[in-house]
Amino acid sequence: MKFETDINGRFKCPTCTSSYKQKGHLVRHIKYECGVEPQFMCDICFRRFKHKSNLKAHYGICHKRGGSDSGDECRGVMKMTINLDHFFE
């Protein structure tokens, strides 16, 4: 599939205003994020995630390491962790 690029060479999403430096990131955005409901669900607390890596992090932080079985206690921790993910891309 061919995608348009902007003046900075970033790949533009045909549906929304997002753009990405790498084509693969745009493909992932279209497949898992843009107009798509989160499809990865925690079997314990039923919280949903757009990326499998975020589900794995959630499980490790909230459930595997002595976290609660309800999703309420881990929401703050997960929000902080997911926001930090952008620094490591």
PDB file of N, CA and C in Angstrom:
ATOM      1  N   MET A   1       0.847  -1.174   0.000  1.00  0.00           N
ATOM      2  CA  MET A   1       0.000   0.000   0.000  1.00  0.00           C
ATOM      3  C   MET A   1       0.894   1.240   0.000  1.00  0.00           C
ATOM      4  N   LYS A   2       0.528   2.230  -0.787  1.00  0.00           N
ATOM      5  CA  LYS A   2       1.315   3.452  -0.888  1.00  0.00           C
ATOM      6  C   LYS A   2       0.641   4.553  -0.072  1.00  0.00           C
ATOM      7  N   PHE A   3       1.448   5.305   0.697  1.00  0.00           N
ATOM      8  CA  PHE A   3       0.934   6.368   1.543  1.00  0.00           C
ATOM      9  C   PHE A   3       1.550   7.699   1.138  1.00  0.00           C
ATOM     10  N   GLU A   4       0.786   8.770   1.316  1.00  0.00           N
ATOM     11  CA  GLU A   4       1.284  10.120   1.067  1.00  0.00           C
ATOM     12  C   GLU A   4       2.259  10.515   2.155  1.00  0.00           C
ATOM     13  N   THR A   5       3.208  11.372   1.788  1.00  0.00           N
ATOM     14  CA  THR A   5       4.116  11.937   2.775  1.00  0.00           C
ATOM     15  C   THR A   5       3.934  13.449   2.797  1.00  0.00           C
ATOM     16  N   ASP A   6       4.234  14.060   3.936  1.00  0.00           N
ATOM     17  CA  ASP A   6       4.150  15.515   4.041  1.00  0.00           C
ATOM     18  C   ASP A   6       5.486  16.135   3.619  1.00  0.00           C
ATOM     19  N   ILE A   7       5.627  17.437   3.792  1.00  0.00           N
ATOM     20  CA  ILE A   7       6.851  18.111   3.336  1.00  0.00           C
ATOM     21  C   ILE A   7       8.088  17.696   4.133  1.00  0.00           C
ATOM     22  N   ASN A   8       7.879  17.126   5.312  1.00  0.00           N
ATOM     23  CA  ASN A   8       8.989  16.650   6.129  1.00  0.00           C
ATOM     24  C   ASN A   8       9.301  15.173   5.875  1.00  0.00           C
ATOM     25  N   GLY A   9       8.600  14.552   4.933  1.00  0.00           N
ATOM     26  CA  GLY A   9       8.830  13.148   4.611  1.00  0.00           C
ATOM     27  C   GLY A   9       8.133  12.178   5.551  1.00  0.00           C
ATOM     28  N   ARG A  10       7.228  12.683   6.381  1.00  0.00           N
ATOM     29  CA  ARG A  10       6.488  11.822   7.319  1.00  0.00           C
ATOM     30  C   ARG A  10       5.287  11.208   6.598  1.00  0.00           C
ATOM     31  N   PHE A  11       4.969   9.966   6.922  1.00  0.00           N
ATOM     32  CA  PHE A  11       3.847   9.255   6.313  1.00  0.00           C
ATOM     33  C   PHE A  11       2.551   9.698   6.987  1.00  0.00           C
ATOM     34  N   LYS A  12       1.599  10.161   6.181  1.00  0.00           N
ATOM     35  CA  LYS A  12       0.346  10.701   6.707  1.00  0.00           C
ATOM     36  C   LYS A  12      -0.754   9.650   6.705  1.00  0.00           C
ATOM     37  N   CYS A  13      -1.519   9.619   7.793  1.00  0.00           N
ATOM     38  CA  CYS A  13      -2.680   8.738   7.872  1.00  0.00           C
ATOM     39  C   CYS A  13      -3.765   9.277   6.946  1.00  0.00           C
ATOM     40  N   PRO A  14      -4.363   8.422   6.115  1.00  0.00           N
ATOM     41  CA  PRO A  14      -5.414   8.890   5.208  1.00  0.00           C
ATOM     42  C   PRO A  14      -6.733   9.193   5.931  1.00  0.00           C
ATOM     43  N   THR A  15      -6.871   8.784   7.185  1.00  0.00           N
ATOM     44  CA  THR A  15      -8.122   8.945   7.918  1.00  0.00           C
ATOM     45  C   THR A  15      -8.099  10.095   8.915  1.00  0.00           C
ATOM     46  N   CYS A  16      -6.965  10.286   9.601  1.00  0.00           N
ATOM     47  CA  CYS A  16      -6.894  11.310  10.647  1.00  0.00           C
ATOM     48  C   CYS A  16      -5.687  12.216  10.404  1.00  0.00           C
ATOM     49  N   THR A  17      -5.316  12.996  11.389  1.00  0.00           N
ATOM     50  CA  THR A  17      -4.221  13.957  11.222  1.00  0.00           C
ATOM     51  C   THR A  17      -2.869  13.416  11.672  1.00  0.00           C
ATOM     52  N   SER A  18      -2.781  12.161  12.058  1.00  0.00           N
ATOM     53  CA  SER A  18      -1.516  11.590  12.534  1.00  0.00           C
ATOM     54  C   SER A  18      -0.534  11.404  11.392  1.00  0.00           C
ATOM     55  N   SER A  19       0.751  11.558  11.724  1.00  0.00           N
ATOM     56  CA  SER A  19       1.804  11.277  10.744  1.00  0.00           C
ATOM     57  C   SER A  19       2.953  10.598  11.470  1.00  0.00           C
ATOM     58  N   TYR A  20       3.727   9.807  10.717  1.00  0.00           N
ATOM     59  CA  TYR A  20       4.774   8.982  11.308  1.00  0.00           C
ATOM     60  C   TYR A  20       6.033   9.027  10.478  1.00  0.00           C
ATOM     61  N   LYS A  21       7.168   8.970  11.156  1.00  0.00           N
ATOM     62  CA  LYS A  21       8.462   8.998  10.497  1.00  0.00           C
ATOM     63  C   LYS A  21       8.703   7.701   9.730  1.00  0.00           C
ATOM     64  N   GLN A  22       8.226   6.591  10.255  1.00  0.00           N
ATOM     65  CA  GLN A  22       8.427   5.296   9.614  1.00  0.00           C
ATOM     66  C   GLN A  22       7.093   4.744   9.109  1.00  0.00           C
ATOM     67  N   LYS A  23       7.130   4.169   7.918  1.00  0.00           N
ATOM     68  CA  LYS A  23       5.928   3.617   7.307  1.00  0.00           C
ATOM     69  C   LYS A  23       5.301   2.527   8.173  1.00  0.00           C
ATOM     70  N   GLY A  24       6.127   1.700   8.789  1.00  0.00           N
ATOM     71  CA  GLY A  24       5.627   0.619   9.641  1.00  0.00           C
ATOM     72  C   GLY A  24       4.812   1.130  10.817  1.00  0.00           C
ATOM     73  N   HIS A  25       5.198   2.285  11.346  1.00  0.00           N
ATOM     74  CA  HIS A  25       4.437   2.866  12.457  1.00  0.00           C
ATOM     75  C   HIS A  25       3.057   3.329  11.988  1.00  0.00           C
ATOM     76  N   LEU A  26       2.981   3.861  10.757  1.00  0.00           N
ATOM     77  CA  LEU A  26       1.689   4.244  10.206  1.00  0.00           C
ATOM     78  C   LEU A  26       0.815   3.014   9.984  1.00  0.00           C
ATOM     79  N   VAL A  27       1.399   1.949   9.470  1.00  0.00           N
ATOM     80  CA  VAL A  27       0.639   0.708   9.239  1.00  0.00           C
ATOM     81  C   VAL A  27       0.092   0.185  10.569  1.00  0.00           C
ATOM     82  N   ARG A  28       0.914   0.203  11.620  1.00  0.00           N
ATOM     83  CA  ARG A  28       0.459  -0.221  12.951  1.00  0.00           C
ATOM     84  C   ARG A  28      -0.670   0.682  13.450  1.00  0.00           C
ATOM     85  N   HIS A  29      -0.538   1.995  13.239  1.00  0.00           N
ATOM     86  CA  HIS A  29      -1.569   2.958  13.635  1.00  0.00           C
ATOM     87  C   HIS A  29      -2.901   2.635  12.956  1.00  0.00           C
ATOM     88  N   ILE A  30      -2.860   2.381  11.663  1.00  0.00           N
ATOM     89  CA  ILE A  30      -4.084   2.089  10.912  1.00  0.00           C
ATOM     90  C   ILE A  30      -4.699   0.764  11.376  1.00  0.00           C
ATOM     91  N   LYS A  31      -3.862  -0.230  11.623  1.00  0.00           N
ATOM     92  CA  LYS A  31      -4.351  -1.562  12.002  1.00  0.00           C
ATOM     93  C   LYS A  31      -4.920  -1.600  13.419  1.00  0.00           C
ATOM     94  N   TYR A  32      -4.271  -0.919  14.367  1.00  0.00           N
ATOM     95  CA  TYR A  32      -4.642  -1.076  15.777  1.00  0.00           C
ATOM     96  C   TYR A  32      -5.252   0.159  16.432  1.00  0.00           C
ATOM     97  N   GLU A  33      -5.091   1.346  15.863  1.00  0.00           N
ATOM     98  CA  GLU A  33      -5.493   2.555  16.573  1.00  0.00           C
ATOM     99  C   GLU A  33      -6.573   3.378  15.891  1.00  0.00           C
ATOM    100  N   CYS A  34      -6.407   3.694  14.648  1.00  0.00           N
ATOM    101  CA  CYS A  34      -7.245   4.683  13.974  1.00  0.00           C
ATOM    102  C   CYS A  34      -8.669   4.162  13.748  1.00  0.00           C
ATOM    103  N   GLY A  35      -9.581   4.639  14.569  1.00  0.00           N
ATOM    104  CA  GLY A  35     -10.978   4.246  14.438  1.00  0.00           C
ATOM    105  C   GLY A  35     -11.270   2.814  14.846  1.00  0.00           C
ATOM    106  N   VAL A  36     -10.340   2.175  15.552  1.00  0.00           N
ATOM    107  CA  VAL A  36     -10.487   0.782  15.944  1.00  0.00           C
ATOM    108  C   VAL A  36     -10.580   0.703  17.461  1.00  0.00           C
ATOM    109  N   GLU A  37     -11.517  -0.060  17.958  1.00  0.00           N
ATOM    110  CA  GLU A  37     -11.628  -0.275  19.400  1.00  0.00           C
ATOM    111  C   GLU A  37     -10.421  -1.081  19.883  1.00  0.00           C
ATOM    112  N   PRO A  38      -9.940  -0.820  21.098  1.00  0.00           N
ATOM    113  CA  PRO A  38      -8.827  -1.610  21.631  1.00  0.00           C
ATOM    114  C   PRO A  38      -9.164  -3.100  21.615  1.00  0.00           C
ATOM    115  N   GLN A  39      -8.256  -3.911  21.062  1.00  0.00           N
ATOM    116  CA  GLN A  39      -8.589  -5.321  20.852  1.00  0.00           C
ATOM    117  C   GLN A  39      -7.841  -6.301  21.751  1.00  0.00           C
ATOM    118  N   PHE A  40      -6.964  -5.796  22.617  1.00  0.00           N
ATOM    119  CA  PHE A  40      -6.246  -6.672  23.539  1.00  0.00           C
ATOM    120  C   PHE A  40      -6.827  -6.467  24.933  1.00  0.00           C
ATOM    121  N   MET A  41      -7.384  -7.536  25.527  1.00  0.00           N
ATOM    122  CA  MET A  41      -8.088  -7.409  26.797  1.00  0.00           C
ATOM    123  C   MET A  41      -7.426  -8.240  27.884  1.00  0.00           C
ATOM    124  N   CYS A  42      -7.337  -7.659  29.080  1.00  0.00           N
ATOM    125  CA  CYS A  42      -6.822  -8.363  30.243  1.00  0.00           C
ATOM    126  C   CYS A  42      -7.874  -9.370  30.708  1.00  0.00           C
ATOM    127  N   ASP A  43      -7.467 -10.612  30.881  1.00  0.00           N
ATOM    128  CA  ASP A  43      -8.383 -11.672  31.319  1.00  0.00           C
ATOM    129  C   ASP A  43      -8.777 -11.533  32.787  1.00  0.00           C
ATOM    130  N   ILE A  44      -8.037 -10.747  33.548  1.00  0.00           N
ATOM    131  CA  ILE A  44      -8.302 -10.618  34.969  1.00  0.00           C
ATOM    132  C   ILE A  44      -9.256  -9.469  35.273  1.00  0.00           C
ATOM    133  N   CYS A  45      -8.950  -8.266  34.771  1.00  0.00           N
ATOM    134  CA  CYS A  45      -9.781  -7.098  35.101  1.00  0.00           C
ATOM    135  C   CYS A  45     -10.573  -6.573  33.900  1.00  0.00           C
ATOM    136  N   PHE A  46     -10.380  -7.166  32.725  1.00  0.00           N
ATOM    137  CA  PHE A  46     -11.121  -6.855  31.502  1.00  0.00           C
ATOM    138  C   PHE A  46     -10.833  -5.465  30.936  1.00  0.00           C
ATOM    139  N   ARG A  47      -9.730  -4.850  31.338  1.00  0.00           N
ATOM    140  CA  ARG A  47      -9.319  -3.584  30.754  1.00  0.00           C
ATOM    141  C   ARG A  47      -8.785  -3.860  29.359  1.00  0.00           C
ATOM    142  N   ARG A  48      -9.037  -2.943  28.411  1.00  0.00           N
ATOM    143  CA  ARG A  48      -8.639  -3.141  27.022  1.00  0.00           C
ATOM    144  C   ARG A  48      -7.492  -2.213  26.639  1.00  0.00           C
ATOM    145  N   PHE A  49      -6.664  -2.697  25.695  1.00  0.00           N
ATOM    146  CA  PHE A  49      -5.495  -1.955  25.250  1.00  0.00           C
ATOM    147  C   PHE A  49      -5.392  -2.007  23.727  1.00  0.00           C
ATOM    148  N   LYS A  50      -4.828  -0.954  23.137  1.00  0.00           N
ATOM    149  CA  LYS A  50      -4.659  -0.911  21.684  1.00  0.00           C
ATOM    150  C   LYS A  50      -3.432  -1.692  21.220  1.00  0.00           C
ATOM    151  N   HIS A  51      -2.469  -1.905  22.120  1.00  0.00           N
ATOM    152  CA  HIS A  51      -1.246  -2.626  21.765  1.00  0.00           C
ATOM    153  C   HIS A  51      -1.013  -3.779  22.728  1.00  0.00           C
ATOM    154  N   LYS A  52      -0.557  -4.898  22.178  1.00  0.00           N
ATOM    155  CA  LYS A  52      -0.289  -6.079  23.001  1.00  0.00           C
ATOM    156  C   LYS A  52       0.809  -5.789  24.025  1.00  0.00           C
ATOM    157  N   SER A  53       1.769  -4.949  23.668  1.00  0.00           N
ATOM    158  CA  SER A  53       2.847  -4.617  24.597  1.00  0.00           C
ATOM    159  C   SER A  53       2.308  -3.879  25.829  1.00  0.00           C
ATOM    160  N   ASN A  54       1.287  -3.043  25.640  1.00  0.00           N
ATOM    161  CA  ASN A  54       0.688  -2.353  26.782  1.00  0.00           C
ATOM    162  C   ASN A  54      -0.084  -3.323  27.672  1.00  0.00           C
ATOM    163  N   LEU A  55      -0.718  -4.317  27.073  1.00  0.00           N
ATOM    164  CA  LEU A  55      -1.402  -5.344  27.857  1.00  0.00           C
ATOM    165  C   LEU A  55      -0.390  -6.133  28.688  1.00  0.00           C
ATOM    166  N   LYS A  56       0.732  -6.499  28.075  1.00  0.00           N
ATOM    167  CA  LYS A  56       1.767  -7.241  28.800  1.00  0.00           C
ATOM    168  C   LYS A  56       2.319  -6.416  29.959  1.00  0.00           C
ATOM    169  N   ALA A  57       2.554  -5.131  29.726  1.00  0.00           N
ATOM    170  CA  ALA A  57       3.050  -4.252  30.795  1.00  0.00           C
ATOM    171  C   ALA A  57       2.018  -4.148  31.910  1.00  0.00           C
ATOM    172  N   HIS A  58       0.768  -3.992  31.543  1.00  0.00           N
ATOM    173  CA  HIS A  58      -0.329  -3.919  32.517  1.00  0.00           C
ATOM    174  C   HIS A  58      -0.368  -5.175  33.379  1.00  0.00           C
ATOM    175  N   TYR A  59      -0.287  -6.319  32.741  1.00  0.00           N
ATOM    176  CA  TYR A  59      -0.340  -7.580  33.473  1.00  0.00           C
ATOM    177  C   TYR A  59       0.829  -7.686  34.444  1.00  0.00           C
ATOM    178  N   GLY A  60       2.017  -7.345  33.970  1.00  0.00           N
ATOM    179  CA  GLY A  60       3.195  -7.431  34.817  1.00  0.00           C
ATOM    180  C   GLY A  60       3.156  -6.466  35.992  1.00  0.00           C
ATOM    181  N   ILE A  61       2.639  -5.276  35.789  1.00  0.00           N
ATOM    182  CA  ILE A  61       2.591  -4.264  36.844  1.00  0.00           C
ATOM    183  C   ILE A  61       1.432  -4.513  37.802  1.00  0.00           C
ATOM    184  N   CYS A  62       0.301  -4.856  37.282  1.00  0.00           N
ATOM    185  CA  CYS A  62      -0.914  -4.894  38.103  1.00  0.00           C
ATOM    186  C   CYS A  62      -1.279  -6.263  38.653  1.00  0.00           C
ATOM    187  N   HIS A  63      -0.955  -7.312  37.976  1.00  0.00           N
ATOM    188  CA  HIS A  63      -1.453  -8.620  38.381  1.00  0.00           C
ATOM    189  C   HIS A  63      -0.351  -9.608  38.750  1.00  0.00           C
ATOM    190  N   LYS A  64       0.695  -9.678  37.989  1.00  0.00           N
ATOM    191  CA  LYS A  64       1.728 -10.685  38.204  1.00  0.00           C
ATOM    192  C   LYS A  64       2.589 -10.391  39.429  1.00  0.00           C
ATOM    193  N   ARG A  65       2.761  -9.136  39.737  1.00  0.00           N
ATOM    194  CA  ARG A  65       3.640  -8.759  40.847  1.00  0.00           C
ATOM    195  C   ARG A  65       2.861  -8.421  42.109  1.00  0.00           C
ATOM    196  N   GLY A  66       1.825  -9.157  42.370  1.00  0.00           N
ATOM    197  CA  GLY A  66       1.079  -8.953  43.610  1.00  0.00           C
ATOM    198  C   GLY A  66       0.064  -7.841  43.547  1.00  0.00           C
ATOM    199  N   GLY A  67      -0.273  -7.383  42.342  1.00  0.00           N
ATOM    200  CA  GLY A  67      -1.282  -6.338  42.211  1.00  0.00           C
ATOM    201  C   GLY A  67      -2.666  -6.894  42.476  1.00  0.00           C
ATOM    202  N   SER A  68      -3.631  -6.028  42.432  1.00  0.00           N
ATOM    203  CA  SER A  68      -5.005  -6.446  42.734  1.00  0.00           C
ATOM    204  C   SER A  68      -5.639  -7.135  41.542  1.00  0.00           C
ATOM    205  N   ASP A  69      -6.710  -7.827  41.806  1.00  0.00           N
ATOM    206  CA  ASP A  69      -7.466  -8.445  40.720  1.00  0.00           C
ATOM    207  C   ASP A  69      -8.480  -7.483  40.124  1.00  0.00           C
ATOM    208  N   SER A  70      -8.740  -6.376  40.778  1.00  0.00           N
ATOM    209  CA  SER A  70      -9.614  -5.371  40.175  1.00  0.00           C
ATOM    210  C   SER A  70      -8.712  -4.383  39.456  1.00  0.00           C
ATOM    211  N   GLY A  71      -9.198  -3.768  38.424  1.00  0.00           N
ATOM    212  CA  GLY A  71      -8.387  -2.833  37.658  1.00  0.00           C
ATOM    213  C   GLY A  71      -8.241  -1.480  38.303  1.00  0.00           C
ATOM    214  N   ASP A  72      -8.978  -1.199  39.379  1.00  0.00           N
ATOM    215  CA  ASP A  72      -9.005   0.140  39.952  1.00  0.00           C
ATOM    216  C   ASP A  72      -7.658   0.598  40.486  1.00  0.00           C
ATOM    217  N   GLU A  73      -6.941  -0.261  41.198  1.00  0.00           N
ATOM    218  CA  GLU A  73      -5.697   0.140  41.833  1.00  0.00           C
ATOM    219  C   GLU A  73      -4.573   0.383  40.833  1.00  0.00           C
ATOM    220  N   CYS A  74      -4.606  -0.257  39.689  1.00  0.00           N
ATOM    221  CA  CYS A  74      -3.474  -0.147  38.773  1.00  0.00           C
ATOM    222  C   CYS A  74      -3.681   0.920  37.706  1.00  0.00           C
ATOM    223  N   ARG A  75      -4.814   1.539  37.616  1.00  0.00           N
ATOM    224  CA  ARG A  75      -5.044   2.521  36.547  1.00  0.00           C
ATOM    225  C   ARG A  75      -4.051   3.673  36.587  1.00  0.00           C
ATOM    226  N   GLY A  76      -3.773   4.217  37.754  1.00  0.00           N
ATOM    227  CA  GLY A  76      -2.818   5.323  37.852  1.00  0.00           C
ATOM    228  C   GLY A  76      -1.423   4.919  37.452  1.00  0.00           C
ATOM    229  N   VAL A  77      -0.991   3.750  37.866  1.00  0.00           N
ATOM    230  CA  VAL A  77       0.338   3.258  37.523  1.00  0.00           C
ATOM    231  C   VAL A  77       0.434   3.026  36.021  1.00  0.00           C
ATOM    232  N   MET A  78      -0.581   2.427  35.428  1.00  0.00           N
ATOM    233  CA  MET A  78      -0.552   2.143  33.994  1.00  0.00           C
ATOM    234  C   MET A  78      -0.541   3.429  33.182  1.00  0.00           C
ATOM    235  N   LYS A  79      -1.297   4.431  33.588  1.00  0.00           N
ATOM    236  CA  LYS A  79      -1.326   5.688  32.844  1.00  0.00           C
ATOM    237  C   LYS A  79       0.069   6.294  32.812  1.00  0.00           C
ATOM    238  N   MET A  80       0.747   6.297  33.949  1.00  0.00           N
ATOM    239  CA  MET A  80       2.087   6.844  34.021  1.00  0.00           C
ATOM    240  C   MET A  80       3.040   6.016  33.160  1.00  0.00           C
ATOM    241  N   THR A  81       2.943   4.706  33.195  1.00  0.00           N
ATOM    242  CA  THR A  81       3.836   3.831  32.438  1.00  0.00           C
ATOM    243  C   THR A  81       3.629   4.002  30.943  1.00  0.00           C
ATOM    244  N   ILE A  82       2.393   4.052  30.493  1.00  0.00           N
ATOM    245  CA  ILE A  82       2.104   4.195  29.066  1.00  0.00           C
ATOM    246  C   ILE A  82       2.580   5.551  28.573  1.00  0.00           C
ATOM    247  N   ASN A  83       2.426   6.606  29.362  1.00  0.00           N
ATOM    248  CA  ASN A  83       2.912   7.920  28.959  1.00  0.00           C
ATOM    249  C   ASN A  83       4.433   7.928  28.819  1.00  0.00           C
ATOM    250  N   LEU A  84       5.139   7.149  29.614  1.00  0.00           N
ATOM    251  CA  LEU A  84       6.588   7.070  29.522  1.00  0.00           C
ATOM    252  C   LEU A  84       7.051   6.293  28.298  1.00  0.00           C
ATOM    253  N   ASP A  85       6.192   5.440  27.733  1.00  0.00           N
ATOM    254  CA  ASP A  85       6.552   4.652  26.561  1.00  0.00           C
ATOM    255  C   ASP A  85       7.016   5.546  25.411  1.00  0.00           C
ATOM    256  N   HIS A  86       6.468   6.736  25.284  1.00  0.00           N
ATOM    257  CA  HIS A  86       6.812   7.623  24.167  1.00  0.00           C
ATOM    258  C   HIS A  86       8.275   8.065  24.222  1.00  0.00           C
ATOM    259  N   PHE A  87       8.898   8.062  25.401  1.00  0.00           N
ATOM    260  CA  PHE A  87      10.286   8.442  25.522  1.00  0.00           C
ATOM    261  C   PHE A  87      11.234   7.369  25.013  1.00  0.00           C
ATOM    262  N   PHE A  88      10.743   6.134  24.877  1.00  0.00           N
ATOM    263  CA  PHE A  88      11.602   5.024  24.505  1.00  0.00           C
ATOM    264  C   PHE A  88      11.392   4.552  23.078  1.00  0.00           C
ATOM    265  N   GLU A  89      10.566   5.243  22.302  1.00  0.00           N
ATOM    266  CA  GLU A  89      10.326   4.824  20.906  1.00  0.00           C
ATOM    267  C   GLU A  89      11.466   5.229  20.002  1.00  0.00           C
TER     268      GLU A  89
END
